[in-house]
Amino acid sequence: MIPEPTASAHVRRAAQSLGKATRIVTSPAATGGWATSADLDRTLADVLQLSSRLSGLLDEAGAWLERAERDGLLRDDRGLASGQTLTGAVGALSRAVDDCRALTGDVDDARRHTTHLAALTSGPEVTR
């Protein structure tokens, strides 16, 4: 039986896919990156889902660190008290969760607008 990939393996694949998408829309050969405003809107919907799920993942990472510290499973390899290191890590993750939630709100706000955009199909020269 093939073992189930770890959470980090899934996140790594998602990051690689996001990197590929970014290269597509920013490459010199890109024609704007999206075929239509609906295509852009679908992308923003997916980014919205990603940012929402990322905040949950980061929140859980902080909770995991706290449980592992409580269970005596962590140590700092620099000789510092692991609690001090944990406080720094959990604090940073908490700020990242807040940032993800702000990002989610901003992308959601953008989508409220992009869902009402339609591509021109006739008339003066159609540009993207």
C-alpha atoms as a PDB file:
ATOM      1  CA  MET A   1       0.000   0.000   0.000  1.00  0.00           C
ATOM      2  CA  ILE A   2       1.305   3.472  -0.916  1.00  0.00           C
ATOM      3  CA  PRO A   3       1.428   5.762   2.134  1.00  0.00           C
ATOM      4  CA  GLU A   4      -0.792   8.833   2.115  1.00  0.00           C
ATOM      5  CA  PRO A   5       1.195  11.989   1.313  1.00  0.00           C
ATOM      6  CA  THR A   6       1.875  14.226   4.288  1.00  0.00           C
ATOM      7  CA  ALA A   7       0.343  17.666   4.662  1.00  0.00           C
ATOM      8  CA  SER A   8       3.678  19.179   3.665  1.00  0.00           C
ATOM      9  CA  ALA A   9       3.693  17.183   0.403  1.00  0.00           C
ATOM     10  CA  HIS A  10       0.250  18.531  -0.509  1.00  0.00           C
ATOM     11  CA  VAL A  11       1.260  22.093   0.345  1.00  0.00           C
ATOM     12  CA  ARG A  12       4.464  21.727  -1.694  1.00  0.00           C
ATOM     13  CA  ARG A  13       2.451  20.637  -4.756  1.00  0.00           C
ATOM     14  CA  ALA A  14       0.009  23.508  -4.294  1.00  0.00           C
ATOM     15  CA  ALA A  15       2.895  25.995  -4.039  1.00  0.00           C
ATOM     16  CA  GLN A  16       4.457  24.570  -7.204  1.00  0.00           C
ATOM     17  CA  SER A  17       1.143  24.876  -9.056  1.00  0.00           C
ATOM     18  CA  LEU A  18       0.710  28.453  -7.874  1.00  0.00           C
ATOM     19  CA  GLY A  19       4.254  29.204  -9.025  1.00  0.00           C
ATOM     20  CA  LYS A  20       3.469  27.812 -12.474  1.00  0.00           C
ATOM     21  CA  ALA A  21       0.302  29.905 -12.699  1.00  0.00           C
ATOM     22  CA  THR A  22       2.243  33.026 -11.718  1.00  0.00           C
ATOM     23  CA  ARG A  23       4.866  32.348 -14.380  1.00  0.00           C
ATOM     24  CA  ILE A  24       2.116  31.927 -16.993  1.00  0.00           C
ATOM     25  CA  VAL A  25       0.478  35.277 -16.266  1.00  0.00           C
ATOM     26  CA  THR A  26       3.748  37.203 -15.874  1.00  0.00           C
ATOM     27  CA  SER A  27       5.757  35.726 -18.734  1.00  0.00           C
ATOM     28  CA  PRO A  28       6.707  38.064 -21.602  1.00  0.00           C
ATOM     29  CA  ALA A  29       4.776  35.786 -23.969  1.00  0.00           C
ATOM     30  CA  ALA A  30       1.596  36.035 -21.881  1.00  0.00           C
ATOM     31  CA  THR A  31      -1.358  37.668 -23.593  1.00  0.00           C
ATOM     32  CA  GLY A  32      -2.653  39.188 -20.420  1.00  0.00           C
ATOM     33  CA  GLY A  33      -2.748  35.863 -18.601  1.00  0.00           C
ATOM     34  CA  TRP A  34      -6.499  35.398 -18.769  1.00  0.00           C
ATOM     35  CA  ALA A  35      -8.717  34.756 -21.767  1.00  0.00           C
ATOM     36  CA  THR A  36     -11.684  36.739 -20.435  1.00  0.00           C
ATOM     37  CA  SER A  37     -12.870  38.602 -17.363  1.00  0.00           C
ATOM     38  CA  ALA A  38     -14.782  35.429 -16.432  1.00  0.00           C
ATOM     39  CA  ASP A  39     -11.486  33.516 -16.509  1.00  0.00           C
ATOM     40  CA  LEU A  40      -9.940  36.128 -14.189  1.00  0.00           C
ATOM     41  CA  ASP A  41     -12.987  35.923 -11.911  1.00  0.00           C
ATOM     42  CA  ARG A  42     -12.632  32.122 -11.700  1.00  0.00           C
ATOM     43  CA  THR A  43      -8.967  32.596 -10.798  1.00  0.00           C
ATOM     44  CA  LEU A  44      -9.900  35.039  -8.043  1.00  0.00           C
ATOM     45  CA  ALA A  45     -12.493  32.552  -6.758  1.00  0.00           C
ATOM     46  CA  ASP A  46      -9.766  29.926  -6.518  1.00  0.00           C
ATOM     47  CA  VAL A  47      -7.369  32.384  -4.832  1.00  0.00           C
ATOM     48  CA  LEU A  48     -10.146  33.214  -2.382  1.00  0.00           C
ATOM     49  CA  GLN A  49     -10.505  29.539  -1.557  1.00  0.00           C
ATOM     50  CA  LEU A  50      -6.725  29.153  -1.214  1.00  0.00           C
ATOM     51  CA  SER A  51      -6.336  32.110   1.122  1.00  0.00           C
ATOM     52  CA  SER A  52      -9.241  30.943   3.255  1.00  0.00           C
ATOM     53  CA  ARG A  53      -7.810  27.448   3.570  1.00  0.00           C
ATOM     54  CA  LEU A  54      -4.290  28.767   4.136  1.00  0.00           C
ATOM     55  CA  SER A  55      -5.392  30.688   7.208  1.00  0.00           C
ATOM     56  CA  GLY A  56      -6.866  27.468   8.631  1.00  0.00           C
ATOM     57  CA  LEU A  57      -3.700  25.534   7.854  1.00  0.00           C
ATOM     58  CA  LEU A  58      -1.496  28.141   9.542  1.00  0.00           C
ATOM     59  CA  ASP A  59      -3.813  28.283  12.545  1.00  0.00           C
ATOM     60  CA  GLU A  60      -3.581  24.505  12.881  1.00  0.00           C
ATOM     61  CA  ALA A  61       0.227  24.673  12.556  1.00  0.00           C
ATOM     62  CA  GLY A  62       0.318  26.982  15.588  1.00  0.00           C
ATOM     63  CA  ALA A  63      -1.958  24.643  17.543  1.00  0.00           C
ATOM     64  CA  TRP A  64       0.244  21.665  16.579  1.00  0.00           C
ATOM     65  CA  LEU A  65       3.341  23.461  17.842  1.00  0.00           C
ATOM     66  CA  GLU A  66       1.643  24.241  21.150  1.00  0.00           C
ATOM     67  CA  ARG A  67       0.552  20.594  21.583  1.00  0.00           C
ATOM     68  CA  ALA A  68       4.004  19.276  20.688  1.00  0.00           C
ATOM     69  CA  GLU A  69       5.639  21.677  23.168  1.00  0.00           C
ATOM     70  CA  ARG A  70       3.154  20.705  25.881  1.00  0.00           C
ATOM     71  CA  ASP A  71       3.927  17.019  25.228  1.00  0.00           C
ATOM     72  CA  GLY A  72       7.682  17.656  25.446  1.00  0.00           C
ATOM     73  CA  LEU A  73       8.351  16.827  21.792  1.00  0.00           C
ATOM     74  CA  LEU A  74      10.215  20.010  20.836  1.00  0.00           C
ATOM     75  CA  ARG A  75      13.610  21.500  21.606  1.00  0.00           C
ATOM     76  CA  ASP A  76      15.510  24.481  20.275  1.00  0.00           C
ATOM     77  CA  ASP A  77      18.751  23.463  18.537  1.00  0.00           C
ATOM     78  CA  ARG A  78      20.372  26.832  19.382  1.00  0.00           C
ATOM     79  CA  GLY A  79      20.256  26.180  23.105  1.00  0.00           C
ATOM     80  CA  LEU A  80      17.408  28.584  23.768  1.00  0.00           C
ATOM     81  CA  ALA A  81      14.428  27.610  25.870  1.00  0.00           C
ATOM     82  CA  SER A  82      11.990  25.898  23.540  1.00  0.00           C
ATOM     83  CA  GLY A  83       9.144  27.918  25.066  1.00  0.00           C
ATOM     84  CA  GLN A  84      10.818  31.127  23.937  1.00  0.00           C
ATOM     85  CA  THR A  85      11.202  29.787  20.406  1.00  0.00           C
ATOM     86  CA  LEU A  86       7.640  28.465  20.439  1.00  0.00           C
ATOM     87  CA  THR A  87       6.300  31.862  21.487  1.00  0.00           C
ATOM     88  CA  GLY A  88       8.067  33.456  18.527  1.00  0.00           C
ATOM     89  CA  ALA A  89       6.821  30.852  16.071  1.00  0.00           C
ATOM     90  CA  VAL A  90       3.223  30.834  17.317  1.00  0.00           C
ATOM     91  CA  GLY A  91       3.148  34.637  17.382  1.00  0.00           C
ATOM     92  CA  ALA A  92       4.394  34.817  13.803  1.00  0.00           C
ATOM     93  CA  LEU A  93       1.856  32.203  12.686  1.00  0.00           C
ATOM     94  CA  SER A  94      -0.922  34.113  14.430  1.00  0.00           C
ATOM     95  CA  ARG A  95       0.052  37.280  12.548  1.00  0.00           C
ATOM     96  CA  ALA A  96       0.151  35.271   9.301  1.00  0.00           C
ATOM     97  CA  VAL A  97      -3.366  33.963  10.001  1.00  0.00           C
ATOM     98  CA  ASP A  98      -4.552  37.549  10.489  1.00  0.00           C
ATOM     99  CA  ASP A  99      -2.847  38.571   7.230  1.00  0.00           C
ATOM    100  CA  CYS A 100      -4.479  35.651   5.373  1.00  0.00           C
ATOM    101  CA  ARG A 101      -7.869  36.644   6.699  1.00  0.00           C
ATOM    102  CA  ALA A 102      -7.271  40.226   5.529  1.00  0.00           C
ATOM    103  CA  LEU A 103      -6.169  38.888   2.122  1.00  0.00           C
ATOM    104  CA  THR A 104      -9.299  36.734   1.947  1.00  0.00           C
ATOM    105  CA  GLY A 105     -11.455  39.781   2.668  1.00  0.00           C
ATOM    106  CA  ASP A 106      -9.682  41.882   0.039  1.00  0.00           C
ATOM    107  CA  VAL A 107      -9.906  39.190  -2.648  1.00  0.00           C
ATOM    108  CA  ASP A 108     -13.568  38.667  -1.785  1.00  0.00           C
ATOM    109  CA  ASP A 109     -14.103  42.404  -2.196  1.00  0.00           C
ATOM    110  CA  ALA A 110     -12.384  42.314  -5.610  1.00  0.00           C
ATOM    111  CA  ARG A 111     -14.604  39.393  -6.646  1.00  0.00           C
ATOM    112  CA  ARG A 112     -17.720  41.345  -5.749  1.00  0.00           C
ATOM    113  CA  HIS A 113     -16.672  43.635  -8.585  1.00  0.00           C
ATOM    114  CA  THR A 114     -15.180  41.181 -11.105  1.00  0.00           C
ATOM    115  CA  THR A 115     -18.280  39.000 -11.085  1.00  0.00           C
ATOM    116  CA  HIS A 116     -20.105  41.902 -12.742  1.00  0.00           C
ATOM    117  CA  LEU A 117     -17.596  42.408 -15.553  1.00  0.00           C
ATOM    118  CA  ALA A 118     -18.279  40.989 -18.991  1.00  0.00           C
ATOM    119  CA  ALA A 119     -15.993  40.839 -21.997  1.00  0.00           C
ATOM    120  CA  LEU A 120     -16.848  42.934 -25.008  1.00  0.00           C
ATOM    121  CA  THR A 121     -17.728  40.732 -27.963  1.00  0.00           C
ATOM    122  CA  SER A 122     -18.423  43.405 -30.572  1.00  0.00           C
ATOM    123  CA  GLY A 123     -17.971  47.075 -31.208  1.00  0.00           C
ATOM    124  CA  PRO A 124     -14.726  49.031 -31.374  1.00  0.00           C
ATOM    125  CA  GLU A 125     -11.491  47.101 -31.231  1.00  0.00           C
ATOM    126  CA  VAL A 126     -11.796  44.593 -28.401  1.00  0.00           C
ATOM    127  CA  THR A 127      -8.806  44.682 -26.046  1.00  0.00           C
ATOM    128  CA  ARG A 128      -8.038  42.566 -23.047  1.00  0.00           C
END
